[in-house]
Amino acid sequence: MSKSKFKIRCSAIGQIMTNAKGAITAKQLQTIAELQLKEKLTPKQHENLNLLLNKKNAPVQISDTAKSFVDIWMKEQLYKRKFEFSNKYTEKGLKVENKSIEFLSDYFNVFLVKNVKRFTDNEFITGEPDIILKNEVWDVKNSWDCFTFPRFTPKDAKINPVYYWQGQGYMALTGAENYKLIYVLSDTPENLIEAEAWKYVRKNGFSELDIDTYEMFKKE
């Protein structure tokens, strides 16, 4: 088997950046430094310091999430296949992507176009940001429905770690210093509405999709 150069998509960086099993945290490292600076430690502090030093020096294992990613990557290399993941959420996101960007153009009163360039020059990562502006990249997430749309999320709320690392990757690829994560809620395409309605029909043992059932799902 020929050797393959590992390069990860920005959307997947978060999968390998999860905390390793047994890994010491930044806060614990700070505690070690603070305890080592003390001239005299209490017995409890001595015990705590020893425990933390043992943890620092102990071997760690990568997380299960990272292992799963590596497992898929290795199979892609072995079998010369590309792992494709798709569900109704990702399908809607792809179908309404251009409409969302048009909406954002009107909302922010700025001309926006979908970036179609995939950046591959980086030695370790590759990616295709949605929108590239001067010194800034935008990533557009299209919510499935009103319940997955983070309408009331505080502005200072912590970003989803997966999207955080995706943004770090986009900035590294483009040289941008800022990353903006934007959620958009838009109408679901007709074919996906019909698919959800048919799923309901089959689940309940009906043979046909009537207009009332369809309209119920369209309203949702």
Protein backbone atom coordinates (compact mmCIF):
# COMPACT_ATOMS: atom_id res chain seq x y z
CA MET A 1 0.00 0.00 0.00
CA SER A 2 1.38 3.40 -0.97
CA LYS A 3 1.75 6.02 1.71
CA SER A 4 -0.97 8.68 1.86
CA LYS A 5 -0.39 12.20 3.07
CA PHE A 6 -2.81 13.01 5.89
CA LYS A 7 -4.76 16.20 5.31
CA ILE A 8 -7.97 17.02 7.15
CA ARG A 9 -10.99 19.07 6.08
CA CYS A 10 -11.70 22.11 8.25
CA SER A 11 -15.17 20.77 9.03
CA ALA A 12 -13.57 17.69 10.63
CA ILE A 13 -10.79 19.33 12.66
CA GLY A 14 -13.01 19.36 15.74
CA GLN A 15 -13.15 15.56 15.67
CA ILE A 16 -9.42 15.20 16.30
CA MET A 17 -9.18 18.16 18.68
CA THR A 18 -11.34 16.57 21.37
CA ASN A 19 -9.67 16.08 24.74
CA ALA A 20 -7.50 12.99 24.93
CA LYS A 21 -8.26 10.43 27.62
CA GLY A 22 -6.23 11.23 30.73
CA ALA A 23 -4.81 14.43 29.26
CA ILE A 24 -4.01 17.14 31.78
CA THR A 25 -5.92 20.40 31.39
CA ALA A 26 -4.53 23.90 31.09
CA LYS A 27 -6.05 24.77 34.47
CA GLN A 28 -4.30 21.81 36.11
CA LEU A 29 -0.98 22.85 34.58
CA GLN A 30 -1.50 26.29 36.06
CA THR A 31 -2.20 24.72 39.46
CA ILE A 32 1.08 22.78 39.23
CA ALA A 33 3.00 25.96 38.47
CA GLU A 34 1.36 27.82 41.36
CA LEU A 35 2.03 25.00 43.86
CA GLN A 36 5.67 24.67 42.76
CA LEU A 37 6.20 28.37 43.40
CA LYS A 38 5.05 28.09 47.01
CA GLU A 39 7.81 27.90 49.63
CA LYS A 40 5.81 25.63 51.90
CA LEU A 41 2.96 23.30 51.10
CA THR A 42 0.36 21.75 53.34
CA PRO A 43 0.05 17.92 53.31
CA LYS A 44 -3.08 18.29 51.19
CA GLN A 45 -1.27 20.53 48.70
CA HIS A 46 1.62 18.04 48.54
CA GLU A 47 -0.82 15.27 47.77
CA ASN A 48 -2.57 17.34 45.13
CA LEU A 49 0.73 18.32 43.49
CA ASN A 50 1.89 14.71 43.32
CA LEU A 51 -1.38 13.60 41.78
CA LEU A 52 -1.20 16.32 39.15
CA LEU A 53 2.45 15.58 38.34
CA ASN A 54 1.63 11.91 37.91
CA LYS A 55 -1.19 12.84 35.56
CA LYS A 56 1.08 15.19 33.63
CA ASN A 57 3.70 12.50 33.11
CA ALA A 58 1.33 9.61 32.45
CA PRO A 59 0.76 8.44 28.85
CA VAL A 60 -2.53 9.55 27.33
CA GLN A 61 -4.80 8.04 24.72
CA ILE A 62 -6.55 9.93 21.96
CA SER A 63 -10.29 10.33 22.37
CA ASP A 64 -12.84 7.88 20.98
CA THR A 65 -14.04 10.60 18.58
CA ALA A 66 -10.55 11.04 17.19
CA LYS A 67 -10.13 7.26 16.92
CA SER A 68 -13.36 7.03 14.92
CA PHE A 69 -12.14 9.70 12.54
CA VAL A 70 -8.80 7.93 12.04
CA ASP A 71 -10.62 4.63 11.49
CA ILE A 72 -12.66 6.16 8.65
CA TRP A 73 -9.62 7.89 7.15
CA MET A 74 -7.62 4.66 7.12
CA LYS A 75 -10.47 2.80 5.40
CA GLU A 76 -10.64 5.54 2.77
CA GLN A 77 -6.97 4.93 2.01
CA LEU A 78 -7.19 1.13 2.08
CA TYR A 79 -10.29 0.76 -0.07
CA LYS A 80 -9.87 3.87 -2.24
CA ARG A 81 -13.34 5.06 -1.31
CA LYS A 82 -14.63 8.39 -0.07
CA PHE A 83 -16.78 8.38 3.06
CA GLU A 84 -19.91 10.41 2.41
CA PHE A 85 -22.22 11.53 5.21
CA SER A 86 -25.66 12.93 4.45
CA ASN A 87 -28.99 13.36 6.23
CA LYS A 88 -31.98 15.67 5.97
CA TYR A 89 -30.17 18.40 7.90
CA THR A 90 -27.12 18.50 5.66
CA GLU A 91 -29.29 18.10 2.54
CA LYS A 92 -31.34 21.16 3.43
CA GLY A 93 -28.16 23.09 4.20
CA LEU A 94 -26.79 22.43 0.73
CA LYS A 95 -30.05 23.18 -1.07
CA VAL A 96 -30.71 26.55 0.61
CA GLU A 97 -27.08 27.70 0.76
CA ASN A 98 -27.30 30.19 -2.11
CA LYS A 99 -30.64 31.59 -0.93
CA SER A 100 -29.18 32.09 2.54
CA ILE A 101 -26.27 34.06 1.12
CA GLU A 102 -28.69 36.20 -0.90
CA PHE A 103 -30.66 36.85 2.28
CA LEU A 104 -27.50 37.85 4.15
CA SER A 105 -26.58 40.23 1.34
CA ASP A 106 -29.88 42.05 1.89
CA TYR A 107 -29.70 41.80 5.67
CA PHE A 108 -26.20 43.27 5.98
CA ASN A 109 -26.59 45.47 2.89
CA VAL A 110 -23.36 44.16 1.40
CA PHE A 111 -22.69 42.25 -1.82
CA LEU A 112 -21.91 38.64 -0.97
CA VAL A 113 -21.03 35.72 -3.21
CA LYS A 114 -20.53 32.07 -2.40
CA ASN A 115 -16.86 31.13 -2.38
CA VAL A 116 -16.19 28.19 -4.70
CA LYS A 117 -12.45 27.91 -4.17
CA ARG A 118 -11.12 25.01 -2.10
CA PHE A 119 -7.88 25.88 -0.36
CA THR A 120 -5.37 23.04 -0.50
CA ASP A 121 -1.96 24.70 -0.15
CA ASN A 122 -1.73 24.15 3.60
CA GLU A 123 0.35 21.12 4.57
CA PHE A 124 -2.22 19.75 7.03
CA ILE A 125 -5.69 21.11 6.27
CA THR A 126 -8.02 21.83 3.39
CA GLY A 127 -11.29 23.72 3.28
CA GLU A 128 -13.82 25.84 1.40
CA PRO A 129 -15.20 28.76 3.45
CA ASP A 130 -18.72 29.91 2.54
CA ILE A 131 -17.90 33.60 2.26
CA ILE A 132 -14.56 35.38 2.17
CA LEU A 133 -14.36 39.09 2.86
CA LYS A 134 -11.43 41.37 3.53
CA ASN A 135 -9.65 39.92 6.58
CA GLU A 136 -12.74 37.86 7.50
CA VAL A 137 -14.41 34.56 6.68
CA TRP A 138 -18.09 33.76 7.21
CA ASP A 139 -19.53 30.32 7.81
CA VAL A 140 -23.28 29.96 7.18
CA LYS A 141 -25.23 27.28 9.04
CA ASN A 142 -28.78 26.58 7.87
CA SER A 143 -31.05 25.37 10.66
CA TRP A 144 -33.51 22.56 9.97
CA ASP A 145 -36.42 24.19 11.81
CA CYS A 146 -37.31 26.82 14.40
CA PHE A 147 -36.32 24.50 17.24
CA THR A 148 -32.76 23.98 16.01
CA PHE A 149 -32.37 27.66 15.20
CA PRO A 150 -30.47 29.34 18.11
CA ARG A 151 -32.64 32.44 18.16
CA PHE A 152 -32.27 33.17 21.86
CA THR A 153 -28.63 32.16 22.28
CA PRO A 154 -26.71 34.94 24.10
CA LYS A 155 -24.06 36.69 22.02
CA ASP A 156 -21.39 35.71 24.54
CA ALA A 157 -22.37 32.02 24.49
CA LYS A 158 -19.60 29.53 23.78
CA ILE A 159 -19.38 28.48 20.16
CA ASN A 160 -19.90 24.85 19.21
CA PRO A 161 -16.37 23.32 19.44
CA VAL A 162 -16.75 21.74 15.98
CA TYR A 163 -17.51 25.15 14.44
CA TYR A 164 -14.78 26.82 16.51
CA TRP A 165 -12.10 24.56 15.06
CA GLN A 166 -13.61 24.83 11.60
CA GLY A 167 -13.21 28.60 11.87
CA GLN A 168 -9.62 28.27 13.04
CA GLY A 169 -8.92 26.17 9.96
CA TYR A 170 -10.54 28.66 7.58
CA MET A 171 -8.53 31.53 9.07
CA ALA A 172 -5.31 29.53 8.77
CA LEU A 173 -6.05 28.78 5.11
CA THR A 174 -7.06 32.30 4.07
CA GLY A 175 -4.95 34.43 6.39
CA ALA A 176 -8.10 36.10 7.73
CA GLU A 177 -8.02 37.34 11.32
CA ASN A 178 -11.76 37.11 11.99
CA TYR A 179 -14.34 34.35 11.73
CA LYS A 180 -18.09 34.92 11.78
CA LEU A 181 -20.53 32.07 12.39
CA ILE A 182 -24.03 32.87 11.12
CA TYR A 183 -27.18 30.78 11.53
CA VAL A 184 -29.99 31.24 9.00
CA LEU A 185 -33.54 29.89 9.20
CA SER A 186 -35.25 29.57 5.83
CA ASP A 187 -38.07 27.63 4.18
CA THR A 188 -37.34 23.97 3.60
CA PRO A 189 -37.31 22.88 -0.09
CA GLU A 190 -40.49 21.20 -1.32
CA ASN A 191 -38.90 17.81 -1.96
CA LEU A 192 -37.71 17.56 1.66
CA ILE A 193 -41.13 18.57 2.97
CA GLU A 194 -42.73 15.88 0.83
CA ALA A 195 -40.18 13.31 2.01
CA GLU A 196 -40.99 14.08 5.66
CA ALA A 197 -44.72 13.82 4.93
CA TRP A 198 -44.30 10.47 3.19
CA LYS A 199 -42.25 9.20 6.12
CA TYR A 200 -45.20 10.02 8.39
CA VAL A 201 -47.64 8.30 6.00
CA ARG A 202 -45.64 5.05 5.87
CA LYS A 203 -44.99 5.05 9.62
CA ASN A 204 -48.72 5.22 10.29
CA GLY A 205 -49.66 2.56 7.75
CA PHE A 206 -51.37 4.83 5.20
CA SER A 207 -51.13 4.15 1.47
CA GLU A 208 -51.38 7.68 0.09
CA LEU A 209 -50.22 11.18 0.97
CA ASP A 210 -53.30 13.38 1.18
CA ILE A 211 -53.29 17.14 0.85
CA ASP A 212 -54.09 17.77 4.53
CA THR A 213 -51.06 15.77 5.70
CA TYR A 214 -48.85 17.52 3.18
CA GLU A 215 -50.08 20.97 4.23
CA MET A 216 -49.49 20.06 7.88
CA PHE A 217 -45.82 19.33 7.18
CA LYS A 218 -45.49 22.34 4.91
CA LYS A 219 -46.74 24.56 7.72
CA GLU A 220 -44.18 23.06 10.10
